[in-house]
């Protein structure tokens, strides 16, 4: 409900079915209606300026959500436990194999490697998606407008820059800047 209030016209999945963990699948499951569109990674290049403006509007609305409202909705600050640290380290090491393919990617990898992931984030907290990959942003293939944003499982309070990492690695700063 918080996301629907804050994001207005950017559709988010409206949870219509919840299932508890079971012996067969140890996680909660949420079901929602189909959201049309294609993953932004499949979008025609000529529509990127529209998509970039859409992403800027979306992230502005998300990141400007008052922290008190996010906490009241049950969203917590990200905690880097041992399992997540191992997963992240493996991901950074795997990504490092891509070094040399593109200067933008090299810059993102340098930035990623320099982050002290084990320390607590000590700047103002923002509501972030936490997994804003291009395939999680569904767009209208004829206009480039966002139809929906999916996979909110990593949503938390933290550094808003984390929502830009994957987008910048994918298409460079022009996609994050709304130009």
Foldseek 3Di string as FASTA:
>chain_A
DLLCVQQPQADEFDFDDWDAADPVGRHIDTDGDDFDFFQQLPADPVQLLVLLQQLQSRLVSQFPPDPVVCVVVVFAADACDPVNVVVLVVVLVVLVVCPPVDPLSVVLSVVSVPDPVNDGADDFWGWEQQDQASRQFGAHNVRSHTRHGYDSVRTHIHDSCNNCSNVCNSPHCSSNVSD
